[in-house]
Amino acid sequence: MAEGVGYYTDEHVARAIVRGLRQRGVRVLTASEADMLGASDVEHLKLATARELVVFTQDDDFLRLHANGQEHSGIVYAAQQASIGTIVSGLMLIHQVLAPNEMRNHVEFL
């Protein structure tokens, strides 16, 4: 079976989400770890694409970039009020059932 998707998290994602994914063996890179704090959303998408990571965000600006045709390796969006448990479960499901190539220029909503 192919390796599931890995994630790139923007700077506003709770550490508990990152920790939960890593505890389950998922590859995660945070904006902080990538020295991308304060970078534009387009720069975040470009970095994630270069590293073949799906962006996980709760910032709807990424949805606008997708709608405007910005290329990316995938975006997973969750509303601000979504619980950490719901987010981790949803991200794990995507990780388990979708290959990185299936997420290219695709958006999933949690």
PDB file of N, CA and C in Angstrom:
ATOM      1  N   MET A   1       0.838  -1.190   0.000  1.00  0.00           N
ATOM      2  CA  MET A   1       0.000   0.000   0.000  1.00  0.00           C
ATOM      3  C   MET A   1       0.878   1.248   0.000  1.00  0.00           C
ATOM      4  N   ALA A   2       0.489   2.257  -0.755  1.00  0.00           N
ATOM      5  CA  ALA A   2       1.238   3.500  -0.821  1.00  0.00           C
ATOM      6  C   ALA A   2       1.165   4.236   0.512  1.00  0.00           C
ATOM      7  N   GLU A   3       2.183   5.038   0.748  1.00  0.00           N
ATOM      8  CA  GLU A   3       2.214   5.839   1.968  1.00  0.00           C
ATOM      9  C   GLU A   3       1.096   6.866   1.915  1.00  0.00           C
ATOM     10  N   GLY A   4       0.423   7.046   3.032  1.00  0.00           N
ATOM     11  CA  GLY A   4      -0.650   8.034   3.087  1.00  0.00           C
ATOM     12  C   GLY A   4      -0.104   9.440   3.045  1.00  0.00           C
ATOM     13  N   VAL A   5      -1.005  10.393   2.946  1.00  0.00           N
ATOM     14  CA  VAL A   5      -0.591  11.784   2.873  1.00  0.00           C
ATOM     15  C   VAL A   5       0.072  12.222   4.173  1.00  0.00           C
ATOM     16  N   GLY A   6       0.975  13.160   4.037  1.00  0.00           N
ATOM     17  CA  GLY A   6       1.554  13.865   5.173  1.00  0.00           C
ATOM     18  C   GLY A   6       0.952  15.257   5.180  1.00  0.00           C
ATOM     19  N   TYR A   7       1.129  15.970   6.261  1.00  0.00           N
ATOM     20  CA  TYR A   7       0.484  17.272   6.411  1.00  0.00           C
ATOM     21  C   TYR A   7       1.472  18.385   6.715  1.00  0.00           C
ATOM     22  N   TYR A   8       1.120  19.549   6.219  1.00  0.00           N
ATOM     23  CA  TYR A   8       1.786  20.798   6.563  1.00  0.00           C
ATOM     24  C   TYR A   8       0.733  21.636   7.264  1.00  0.00           C
ATOM     25  N   THR A   9       1.025  22.116   8.462  1.00  0.00           N
ATOM     26  CA  THR A   9       0.043  22.894   9.211  1.00  0.00           C
ATOM     27  C   THR A   9       0.444  24.362   9.245  1.00  0.00           C
ATOM     28  N   ASP A  10      -0.524  25.225   9.004  1.00  0.00           N
ATOM     29  CA  ASP A  10      -0.224  26.652   9.084  1.00  0.00           C
ATOM     30  C   ASP A  10      -0.027  27.050  10.536  1.00  0.00           C
ATOM     31  N   GLU A  11       0.303  28.307  10.750  1.00  0.00           N
ATOM     32  CA  GLU A  11       0.740  28.727  12.083  1.00  0.00           C
ATOM     33  C   GLU A  11      -0.356  28.792  13.129  1.00  0.00           C
ATOM     34  N   HIS A  12      -1.608  28.644  12.740  1.00  0.00           N
ATOM     35  CA  HIS A  12      -2.699  28.763  13.701  1.00  0.00           C
ATOM     36  C   HIS A  12      -3.258  27.422  14.167  1.00  0.00           C
ATOM     37  N   VAL A  13      -2.674  26.331  13.718  1.00  0.00           N
ATOM     38  CA  VAL A  13      -3.166  25.000  14.092  1.00  0.00           C
ATOM     39  C   VAL A  13      -2.659  24.635  15.491  1.00  0.00           C
ATOM     40  N   ALA A  14      -3.569  24.125  16.310  1.00  0.00           N
ATOM     41  CA  ALA A  14      -3.230  23.753  17.687  1.00  0.00           C
ATOM     42  C   ALA A  14      -2.160  22.663  17.730  1.00  0.00           C
ATOM     43  N   ARG A  15      -1.235  22.812  18.655  1.00  0.00           N
ATOM     44  CA  ARG A  15      -0.169  21.815  18.828  1.00  0.00           C
ATOM     45  C   ARG A  15      -0.722  20.433  19.135  1.00  0.00           C
ATOM     46  N   ALA A  16      -1.866  20.378  19.814  1.00  0.00           N
ATOM     47  CA  ALA A  16      -2.468  19.086  20.156  1.00  0.00           C
ATOM     48  C   ALA A  16      -2.827  18.295  18.897  1.00  0.00           C
ATOM     49  N   ILE A  17      -3.191  18.972  17.839  1.00  0.00           N
ATOM     50  CA  ILE A  17      -3.511  18.293  16.571  1.00  0.00           C
ATOM     51  C   ILE A  17      -2.240  17.692  15.989  1.00  0.00           C
ATOM     52  N   VAL A  18      -1.189  18.474  15.952  1.00  0.00           N
ATOM     53  CA  VAL A  18       0.107  17.987  15.446  1.00  0.00           C
ATOM     54  C   VAL A  18       0.570  16.798  16.269  1.00  0.00           C
ATOM     55  N   ARG A  19       0.500  16.926  17.572  1.00  0.00           N
ATOM     56  CA  ARG A  19       0.924  15.850  18.481  1.00  0.00           C
ATOM     57  C   ARG A  19       0.094  14.585  18.249  1.00  0.00           C
ATOM     58  N   GLY A  20      -1.215  14.747  18.102  1.00  0.00           N
ATOM     59  CA  GLY A  20      -2.099  13.605  17.882  1.00  0.00           C
ATOM     60  C   GLY A  20      -1.767  12.863  16.599  1.00  0.00           C
ATOM     61  N   LEU A  21      -1.467  13.607  15.549  1.00  0.00           N
ATOM     62  CA  LEU A  21      -1.105  12.979  14.277  1.00  0.00           C
ATOM     63  C   LEU A  21       0.238  12.262  14.384  1.00  0.00           C
ATOM     64  N   ARG A  22       1.204  12.918  14.987  1.00  0.00           N
ATOM     65  CA  ARG A  22       2.532  12.311  15.111  1.00  0.00           C
ATOM     66  C   ARG A  22       2.499  11.046  15.962  1.00  0.00           C
ATOM     67  N   GLN A  23       1.688  11.052  17.002  1.00  0.00           N
ATOM     68  CA  GLN A  23       1.555   9.855  17.839  1.00  0.00           C
ATOM     69  C   GLN A  23       0.992   8.684  17.054  1.00  0.00           C
ATOM     70  N   ARG A  24       0.308   8.975  15.973  1.00  0.00           N
ATOM     71  CA  ARG A  24      -0.283   7.937  15.122  1.00  0.00           C
ATOM     72  C   ARG A  24       0.584   7.643  13.894  1.00  0.00           C
ATOM     73  N   GLY A  25       1.802   8.182  13.881  1.00  0.00           N
ATOM     74  CA  GLY A  25       2.760   7.872  12.836  1.00  0.00           C
ATOM     75  C   GLY A  25       2.636   8.681  11.557  1.00  0.00           C
ATOM     76  N   VAL A  26       1.925   9.796  11.608  1.00  0.00           N
ATOM     77  CA  VAL A  26       1.729  10.621  10.416  1.00  0.00           C
ATOM     78  C   VAL A  26       2.852  11.660  10.322  1.00  0.00           C
ATOM     79  N   ARG A  27       3.343  11.850   9.114  1.00  0.00           N
ATOM     80  CA  ARG A  27       4.371  12.853   8.852  1.00  0.00           C
ATOM     81  C   ARG A  27       3.718  14.230   8.872  1.00  0.00           C
ATOM     82  N   VAL A  28       4.236  15.125   9.729  1.00  0.00           N
ATOM     83  CA  VAL A  28       3.692  16.475   9.863  1.00  0.00           C
ATOM     84  C   VAL A  28       4.845  17.474   9.931  1.00  0.00           C
ATOM     85  N   LEU A  29       4.694  18.565   9.199  1.00  0.00           N
ATOM     86  CA  LEU A  29       5.623  19.686   9.265  1.00  0.00           C
ATOM     87  C   LEU A  29       4.803  20.920   9.607  1.00  0.00           C
ATOM     88  N   THR A  30       5.229  21.669  10.611  1.00  0.00           N
ATOM     89  CA  THR A  30       4.510  22.881  10.985  1.00  0.00           C
ATOM     90  C   THR A  30       5.167  24.100  10.344  1.00  0.00           C
ATOM     91  N   ALA A  31       4.409  25.169  10.220  1.00  0.00           N
ATOM     92  CA  ALA A  31       4.947  26.417   9.684  1.00  0.00           C
ATOM     93  C   ALA A  31       6.125  26.897  10.521  1.00  0.00           C
ATOM     94  N   SER A  32       6.035  26.732  11.823  1.00  0.00           N
ATOM     95  CA  SER A  32       7.122  27.130  12.712  1.00  0.00           C
ATOM     96  C   SER A  32       8.393  26.325  12.430  1.00  0.00           C
ATOM     97  N   GLU A  33       8.249  25.018  12.300  1.00  0.00           N
ATOM     98  CA  GLU A  33       9.413  24.157  12.024  1.00  0.00           C
ATOM     99  C   GLU A  33      10.049  24.477  10.674  1.00  0.00           C
ATOM    100  N   ALA A  34       9.237  24.941   9.739  1.00  0.00           N
ATOM    101  CA  ALA A  34       9.721  25.264   8.396  1.00  0.00           C
ATOM    102  C   ALA A  34      10.212  26.713   8.293  1.00  0.00           C
ATOM    103  N   ASP A  35      10.252  27.428   9.426  1.00  0.00           N
ATOM    104  CA  ASP A  35      10.638  28.842   9.442  1.00  0.00           C
ATOM    105  C   ASP A  35       9.768  29.671   8.492  1.00  0.00           C
ATOM    106  N   MET A  36       8.459  29.400   8.526  1.00  0.00           N
ATOM    107  CA  MET A  36       7.523  30.079   7.631  1.00  0.00           C
ATOM    108  C   MET A  36       6.521  30.962   8.380  1.00  0.00           C
ATOM    109  N   LEU A  37       6.789  31.248   9.650  1.00  0.00           N
ATOM    110  CA  LEU A  37       5.874  32.120  10.387  1.00  0.00           C
ATOM    111  C   LEU A  37       5.816  33.483   9.710  1.00  0.00           C
ATOM    112  N   GLY A  38       4.625  33.961   9.485  1.00  0.00           N
ATOM    113  CA  GLY A  38       4.438  35.252   8.844  1.00  0.00           C
ATOM    114  C   GLY A  38       4.471  35.213   7.323  1.00  0.00           C
ATOM    115  N   ALA A  39       4.705  34.032   6.745  1.00  0.00           N
ATOM    116  CA  ALA A  39       4.732  33.905   5.284  1.00  0.00           C
ATOM    117  C   ALA A  39       3.317  34.056   4.723  1.00  0.00           C
ATOM    118  N   SER A  40       3.228  34.390   3.448  1.00  0.00           N
ATOM    119  CA  SER A  40       1.918  34.511   2.809  1.00  0.00           C
ATOM    120  C   SER A  40       1.314  33.115   2.616  1.00  0.00           C
ATOM    121  N   ASP A  41       0.009  33.076   2.430  1.00  0.00           N
ATOM    122  CA  ASP A  41      -0.666  31.800   2.202  1.00  0.00           C
ATOM    123  C   ASP A  41      -0.153  31.131   0.932  1.00  0.00           C
ATOM    124  N   VAL A  42       0.139  31.913  -0.093  1.00  0.00           N
ATOM    125  CA  VAL A  42       0.690  31.354  -1.335  1.00  0.00           C
ATOM    126  C   VAL A  42       2.045  30.698  -1.055  1.00  0.00           C
ATOM    127  N   GLU A  43       2.873  31.340  -0.239  1.00  0.00           N
ATOM    128  CA  GLU A  43       4.181  30.758   0.105  1.00  0.00           C
ATOM    129  C   GLU A  43       4.006  29.451   0.869  1.00  0.00           C
ATOM    130  N   HIS A  44       3.021  29.400   1.773  1.00  0.00           N
ATOM    131  CA  HIS A  44       2.743  28.150   2.500  1.00  0.00           C
ATOM    132  C   HIS A  44       2.354  27.045   1.512  1.00  0.00           C
ATOM    133  N   LEU A  45       1.470  27.362   0.569  1.00  0.00           N
ATOM    134  CA  LEU A  45       1.048  26.359  -0.411  1.00  0.00           C
ATOM    135  C   LEU A  45       2.225  25.884  -1.258  1.00  0.00           C
ATOM    136  N   LYS A  46       3.080  26.800  -1.663  1.00  0.00           N
ATOM    137  CA  LYS A  46       4.238  26.433  -2.483  1.00  0.00           C
ATOM    138  C   LYS A  46       5.201  25.524  -1.719  1.00  0.00           C
ATOM    139  N   LEU A  47       5.457  25.840  -0.460  1.00  0.00           N
ATOM    140  CA  LEU A  47       6.349  24.995   0.340  1.00  0.00           C
ATOM    141  C   LEU A  47       5.751  23.608   0.515  1.00  0.00           C
ATOM    142  N   ALA A  48       4.472  23.550   0.862  1.00  0.00           N
ATOM    143  CA  ALA A  48       3.809  22.257   1.053  1.00  0.00           C
ATOM    144  C   ALA A  48       3.844  21.441  -0.236  1.00  0.00           C
ATOM    145  N   THR A  49       3.614  22.089  -1.355  1.00  0.00           N
ATOM    146  CA  THR A  49       3.632  21.400  -2.646  1.00  0.00           C
ATOM    147  C   THR A  49       5.027  20.865  -2.940  1.00  0.00           C
ATOM    148  N   ALA A  50       6.045  21.671  -2.691  1.00  0.00           N
ATOM    149  CA  ALA A  50       7.427  21.236  -2.933  1.00  0.00           C
ATOM    150  C   ALA A  50       7.790  20.025  -2.082  1.00  0.00           C
ATOM    151  N   ARG A  51       7.196  19.936  -0.897  1.00  0.00           N
ATOM    152  CA  ARG A  51       7.484  18.815   0.017  1.00  0.00           C
ATOM    153  C   ARG A  51       6.438  17.701  -0.062  1.00  0.00           C
ATOM    154  N   GLU A  52       5.508  17.835  -1.008  1.00  0.00           N
ATOM    155  CA  GLU A  52       4.436  16.854  -1.210  1.00  0.00           C
ATOM    156  C   GLU A  52       3.625  16.613   0.056  1.00  0.00           C
ATOM    157  N   LEU A  53       3.264  17.716   0.707  1.00  0.00           N
ATOM    158  CA  LEU A  53       2.445  17.665   1.913  1.00  0.00           C
ATOM    159  C   LEU A  53       1.116  18.365   1.649  1.00  0.00           C
ATOM    160  N   VAL A  54       0.069  17.859   2.271  1.00  0.00           N
ATOM    161  CA  VAL A  54      -1.259  18.448   2.196  1.00  0.00           C
ATOM    162  C   VAL A  54      -1.359  19.507   3.290  1.00  0.00           C
ATOM    163  N   VAL A  55      -1.852  20.674   2.940  1.00  0.00           N
ATOM    164  CA  VAL A  55      -2.018  21.748   3.921  1.00  0.00           C
ATOM    165  C   VAL A  55      -3.263  21.462   4.756  1.00  0.00           C
ATOM    166  N   PHE A  56      -3.094  21.467   6.075  1.00  0.00           N
ATOM    167  CA  PHE A  56      -4.255  21.459   6.964  1.00  0.00           C
ATOM    168  C   PHE A  56      -4.376  22.856   7.533  1.00  0.00           C
ATOM    169  N   THR A  57      -5.570  23.430   7.433  1.00  0.00           N
ATOM    170  CA  THR A  57      -5.789  24.796   7.884  1.00  0.00           C
ATOM    171  C   THR A  57      -7.212  24.990   8.400  1.00  0.00           C
ATOM    172  N   GLN A  58      -7.365  26.046   9.175  1.00  0.00           N
ATOM    173  CA  GLN A  58      -8.680  26.510   9.593  1.00  0.00           C
ATOM    174  C   GLN A  58      -8.887  27.943   9.105  1.00  0.00           C
ATOM    175  N   ASP A  59      -8.090  28.332   8.122  1.00  0.00           N
ATOM    176  CA  ASP A  59      -8.097  29.671   7.533  1.00  0.00           C
ATOM    177  C   ASP A  59      -8.745  29.587   6.156  1.00  0.00           C
ATOM    178  N   ASP A  60      -9.903  30.213   5.995  1.00  0.00           N
ATOM    179  CA  ASP A  60     -10.616  30.090   4.726  1.00  0.00           C
ATOM    180  C   ASP A  60      -9.969  30.848   3.575  1.00  0.00           C
ATOM    181  N   ASP A  61      -8.932  31.613   3.832  1.00  0.00           N
ATOM    182  CA  ASP A  61      -8.181  32.252   2.745  1.00  0.00           C
ATOM    183  C   ASP A  61      -7.597  31.202   1.802  1.00  0.00           C
ATOM    184  N   PHE A  62      -7.239  30.044   2.331  1.00  0.00           N
ATOM    185  CA  PHE A  62      -6.706  28.969   1.489  1.00  0.00           C
ATOM    186  C   PHE A  62      -7.771  28.465   0.510  1.00  0.00           C
ATOM    187  N   LEU A  63      -9.025  28.481   0.934  1.00  0.00           N
ATOM    188  CA  LEU A  63     -10.112  28.061   0.052  1.00  0.00           C
ATOM    189  C   LEU A  63     -10.267  29.033  -1.115  1.00  0.00           C
ATOM    190  N   ARG A  64     -10.086  30.312  -0.844  1.00  0.00           N
ATOM    191  CA  ARG A  64     -10.146  31.320  -1.912  1.00  0.00           C
ATOM    192  C   ARG A  64      -9.012  31.115  -2.913  1.00  0.00           C
ATOM    193  N   LEU A  65      -7.814  30.810  -2.415  1.00  0.00           N
ATOM    194  CA  LEU A  65      -6.689  30.562  -3.320  1.00  0.00           C
ATOM    195  C   LEU A  65      -6.989  29.367  -4.225  1.00  0.00           C
ATOM    196  N   HIS A  66      -7.549  28.318  -3.645  1.00  0.00           N
ATOM    197  CA  HIS A  66      -7.934  27.140  -4.436  1.00  0.00           C
ATOM    198  C   HIS A  66      -8.963  27.527  -5.504  1.00  0.00           C
ATOM    199  N   ALA A  67      -9.977  28.272  -5.102  1.00  0.00           N
ATOM    200  CA  ALA A  67     -11.036  28.680  -6.025  1.00  0.00           C
ATOM    201  C   ALA A  67     -10.495  29.556  -7.161  1.00  0.00           C
ATOM    202  N   ASN A  68      -9.402  30.262  -6.885  1.00  0.00           N
ATOM    203  CA  ASN A  68      -8.791  31.128  -7.896  1.00  0.00           C
ATOM    204  C   ASN A  68      -7.759  30.395  -8.750  1.00  0.00           C
ATOM    205  N   GLY A  69      -7.627  29.078  -8.567  1.00  0.00           N
ATOM    206  CA  GLY A  69      -6.762  28.285  -9.422  1.00  0.00           C
ATOM    207  C   GLY A  69      -5.332  28.103  -8.966  1.00  0.00           C
ATOM    208  N   GLN A  70      -5.022  28.506  -7.730  1.00  0.00           N
ATOM    209  CA  GLN A  70      -3.659  28.306  -7.213  1.00  0.00           C
ATOM    210  C   GLN A  70      -3.363  26.811  -7.125  1.00  0.00           C
ATOM    211  N   GLU A  71      -2.263  26.382  -7.717  1.00  0.00           N
ATOM    212  CA  GLU A  71      -1.838  24.971  -7.650  1.00  0.00           C
ATOM    213  C   GLU A  71      -1.427  24.620  -6.216  1.00  0.00           C
ATOM    214  N   HIS A  72      -1.725  23.385  -5.814  1.00  0.00           N
ATOM    215  CA  HIS A  72      -1.329  22.928  -4.472  1.00  0.00           C
ATOM    216  C   HIS A  72      -1.362  21.413  -4.416  1.00  0.00           C
ATOM    217  N   SER A  73      -0.770  20.875  -3.364  1.00  0.00           N
ATOM    218  CA  SER A  73      -0.724  19.416  -3.195  1.00  0.00           C
ATOM    219  C   SER A  73      -1.885  18.897  -2.356  1.00  0.00           C
ATOM    220  N   GLY A  74      -2.863  19.751  -2.113  1.00  0.00           N
ATOM    221  CA  GLY A  74      -4.048  19.364  -1.355  1.00  0.00           C
ATOM    222  C   GLY A  74      -4.263  20.281  -0.169  1.00  0.00           C
ATOM    223  N   ILE A  75      -5.524  20.490   0.155  1.00  0.00           N
ATOM    224  CA  ILE A  75      -5.899  21.300   1.310  1.00  0.00           C
ATOM    225  C   ILE A  75      -6.980  20.551   2.068  1.00  0.00           C
ATOM    226  N   VAL A  76      -6.822  20.493   3.381  1.00  0.00           N
ATOM    227  CA  VAL A  76      -7.888  20.005   4.259  1.00  0.00           C
ATOM    228  C   VAL A  76      -8.265  21.182   5.142  1.00  0.00           C
ATOM    229  N   TYR A  77      -9.556  21.475   5.160  1.00  0.00           N
ATOM    230  CA  TYR A  77     -10.065  22.628   5.900  1.00  0.00           C
ATOM    231  C   TYR A  77     -11.035  22.165   6.980  1.00  0.00           C
ATOM    232  N   ALA A  78     -10.898  22.765   8.153  1.00  0.00           N
ATOM    233  CA  ALA A  78     -11.856  22.544   9.241  1.00  0.00           C
ATOM    234  C   ALA A  78     -12.260  23.899   9.798  1.00  0.00           C
ATOM    235  N   ALA A  79     -13.514  24.032  10.151  1.00  0.00           N
ATOM    236  CA  ALA A  79     -14.006  25.266  10.759  1.00  0.00           C
ATOM    237  C   ALA A  79     -13.347  25.488  12.116  1.00  0.00           C
ATOM    238  N   GLN A  80     -13.274  26.734  12.519  1.00  0.00           N
ATOM    239  CA  GLN A  80     -12.629  27.084  13.791  1.00  0.00           C
ATOM    240  C   GLN A  80     -13.243  26.344  14.988  1.00  0.00           C
ATOM    241  N   GLN A  81     -14.542  26.111  14.955  1.00  0.00           N
ATOM    242  CA  GLN A  81     -15.206  25.495  16.105  1.00  0.00           C
ATOM    243  C   GLN A  81     -15.084  23.972  16.141  1.00  0.00           C
ATOM    244  N   ALA A  82     -14.442  23.362  15.149  1.00  0.00           N
ATOM    245  CA  ALA A  82     -14.277  21.897  15.137  1.00  0.00           C
ATOM    246  C   ALA A  82     -13.393  21.467  16.303  1.00  0.00           C
ATOM    247  N   SER A  83     -13.751  20.362  16.934  1.00  0.00           N
ATOM    248  CA  SER A  83     -12.973  19.879  18.077  1.00  0.00           C
ATOM    249  C   SER A  83     -11.675  19.226  17.612  1.00  0.00           C
ATOM    250  N   ILE A  84     -10.711  19.184  18.507  1.00  0.00           N
ATOM    251  CA  ILE A  84      -9.421  18.556  18.206  1.00  0.00           C
ATOM    252  C   ILE A  84      -9.622  17.088  17.851  1.00  0.00           C
ATOM    253  N   GLY A  85     -10.466  16.398  18.584  1.00  0.00           N
ATOM    254  CA  GLY A  85     -10.727  14.985  18.300  1.00  0.00           C
ATOM    255  C   GLY A  85     -11.320  14.768  16.924  1.00  0.00           C
ATOM    256  N   THR A  86     -12.266  15.612  16.550  1.00  0.00           N
ATOM    257  CA  THR A  86     -12.876  15.517  15.223  1.00  0.00           C
ATOM    258  C   THR A  86     -11.841  15.774  14.138  1.00  0.00           C
ATOM    259  N   ILE A  87     -11.004  16.759  14.348  1.00  0.00           N
ATOM    260  CA  ILE A  87      -9.972  17.092  13.363  1.00  0.00           C
ATOM    261  C   ILE A  87      -8.976  15.954  13.214  1.00  0.00           C
ATOM    262  N   VAL A  88      -8.458  15.451  14.321  1.00  0.00           N
ATOM    263  CA  VAL A  88      -7.470  14.360  14.243  1.00  0.00           C
ATOM    264  C   VAL A  88      -8.093  13.134  13.578  1.00  0.00           C
ATOM    265  N   SER A  89      -9.314  12.796  13.948  1.00  0.00           N
ATOM    266  CA  SER A  89      -9.983  11.637  13.329  1.00  0.00           C
ATOM    267  C   SER A  89     -10.155  11.830  11.823  1.00  0.00           C
ATOM    268  N   GLY A  90     -10.579  13.008  11.423  1.00  0.00           N
ATOM    269  CA  GLY A  90     -10.763  13.288  10.005  1.00  0.00           C
ATOM    270  C   GLY A  90      -9.460  13.259   9.229  1.00  0.00           C
ATOM    271  N   LEU A  91      -8.414  13.836   9.799  1.00  0.00           N
ATOM    272  CA  LEU A  91      -7.104  13.823   9.142  1.00  0.00           C
ATOM    273  C   LEU A  91      -6.554  12.406   9.046  1.00  0.00           C
ATOM    274  N   MET A  92      -6.794  11.604  10.058  1.00  0.00           N
ATOM    275  CA  MET A  92      -6.343  10.201  10.019  1.00  0.00           C
ATOM    276  C   MET A  92      -7.079   9.431   8.928  1.00  0.00           C
ATOM    277  N   LEU A  93      -8.369   9.666   8.779  1.00  0.00           N
ATOM    278  CA  LEU A  93      -9.135   8.984   7.737  1.00  0.00           C
ATOM    279  C   LEU A  93      -8.578   9.343   6.358  1.00  0.00           C
ATOM    280  N   ILE A  94      -8.333  10.617   6.129  1.00  0.00           N
ATOM    281  CA  ILE A  94      -7.757  11.041   4.847  1.00  0.00           C
ATOM    282  C   ILE A  94      -6.395  10.388   4.643  1.00  0.00           C
ATOM    283  N   HIS A  95      -5.582  10.379   5.670  1.00  0.00           N
ATOM    284  CA  HIS A  95      -4.249   9.768   5.613  1.00  0.00           C
ATOM    285  C   HIS A  95      -4.337   8.288   5.232  1.00  0.00           C
ATOM    286  N   GLN A  96      -5.341   7.615   5.754  1.00  0.00           N
ATOM    287  CA  GLN A  96      -5.466   6.172   5.542  1.00  0.00           C
ATOM    288  C   GLN A  96      -6.072   5.795   4.192  1.00  0.00           C
ATOM    289  N   VAL A  97      -6.900   6.659   3.621  1.00  0.00           N
ATOM    290  CA  VAL A  97      -7.619   6.245   2.412  1.00  0.00           C
ATOM    291  C   VAL A  97      -7.212   6.965   1.129  1.00  0.00           C
ATOM    292  N   LEU A  98      -6.518   8.084   1.242  1.00  0.00           N
ATOM    293  CA  LEU A  98      -6.146   8.837   0.041  1.00  0.00           C
ATOM    294  C   LEU A  98      -4.632   8.865  -0.139  1.00  0.00           C
ATOM    295  N   ALA A  99      -4.211   8.682  -1.361  1.00  0.00           N
ATOM    296  CA  ALA A  99      -2.791   8.790  -1.705  1.00  0.00           C
ATOM    297  C   ALA A  99      -2.478  10.253  -2.000  1.00  0.00           C
ATOM    298  N   PRO A 100      -1.216  10.650  -1.851  1.00  0.00           N
ATOM    299  CA  PRO A 100      -0.864  12.043  -2.135  1.00  0.00           C
ATOM    300  C   PRO A 100      -1.320  12.521  -3.508  1.00  0.00           C
ATOM    301  N   ASN A 101      -1.203  11.694  -4.535  1.00  0.00           N
ATOM    302  CA  ASN A 101      -1.623  12.137  -5.881  1.00  0.00           C
ATOM    303  C   ASN A 101      -3.136  12.364  -5.970  1.00  0.00           C
ATOM    304  N   GLU A 102      -3.917  11.723  -5.121  1.00  0.00           N
ATOM    305  CA  GLU A 102      -5.374  11.920  -5.119  1.00  0.00           C
ATOM    306  C   GLU A 102      -5.767  13.255  -4.479  1.00  0.00           C
ATOM    307  N   MET A 103      -4.867  13.826  -3.695  1.00  0.00           N
ATOM    308  CA  MET A 103      -5.156  15.104  -3.037  1.00  0.00           C
ATOM    309  C   MET A 103      -4.705  16.302  -3.864  1.00  0.00           C
ATOM    310  N   ARG A 104      -3.919  16.084  -4.891  1.00  0.00           N
ATOM    311  CA  ARG A 104      -3.376  17.206  -5.685  1.00  0.00           C
ATOM    312  C   ARG A 104      -4.515  18.099  -6.211  1.00  0.00           C
ATOM    313  N   ASN A 105      -4.431  19.386  -5.871  1.00  0.00           N
ATOM    314  CA  ASN A 105      -5.425  20.400  -6.267  1.00  0.00           C
ATOM    315  C   ASN A 105      -6.852  20.045  -5.829  1.00  0.00           C
ATOM    316  N   HIS A 106      -6.946  19.335  -4.718  1.00  0.00           N
ATOM    317  CA  HIS A 106      -8.231  18.879  -4.173  1.00  0.00           C
ATOM    318  C   HIS A 106      -8.392  19.450  -2.765  1.00  0.00           C
ATOM    319  N   VAL A 107      -9.625  19.740  -2.391  1.00  0.00           N
ATOM    320  CA  VAL A 107      -9.935  20.216  -1.042  1.00  0.00           C
ATOM    321  C   VAL A 107     -10.863  19.226  -0.360  1.00  0.00           C
ATOM    322  N   GLU A 108     -10.549  18.887   0.874  1.00  0.00           N
ATOM    323  CA  GLU A 108     -11.428  18.080   1.722  1.00  0.00           C
ATOM    324  C   GLU A 108     -11.863  18.942   2.892  1.00  0.00           C
ATOM    325  N   PHE A 109     -13.115  18.808   3.280  1.00  0.00           N
ATOM    326  CA  PHE A 109     -13.674  19.552   4.409  1.00  0.00           C
ATOM    327  C   PHE A 109     -13.936  18.591   5.556  1.00  0.00           C
ATOM    328  N   LEU A 110     -13.508  18.974   6.757  1.00  0.00           N
ATOM    329  CA  LEU A 110     -13.782  18.152   7.954  1.00  0.00           C
ATOM    330  C   LEU A 110     -14.999  18.695   8.665  1.00  0.00           C
TER     331      LEU A 110
END
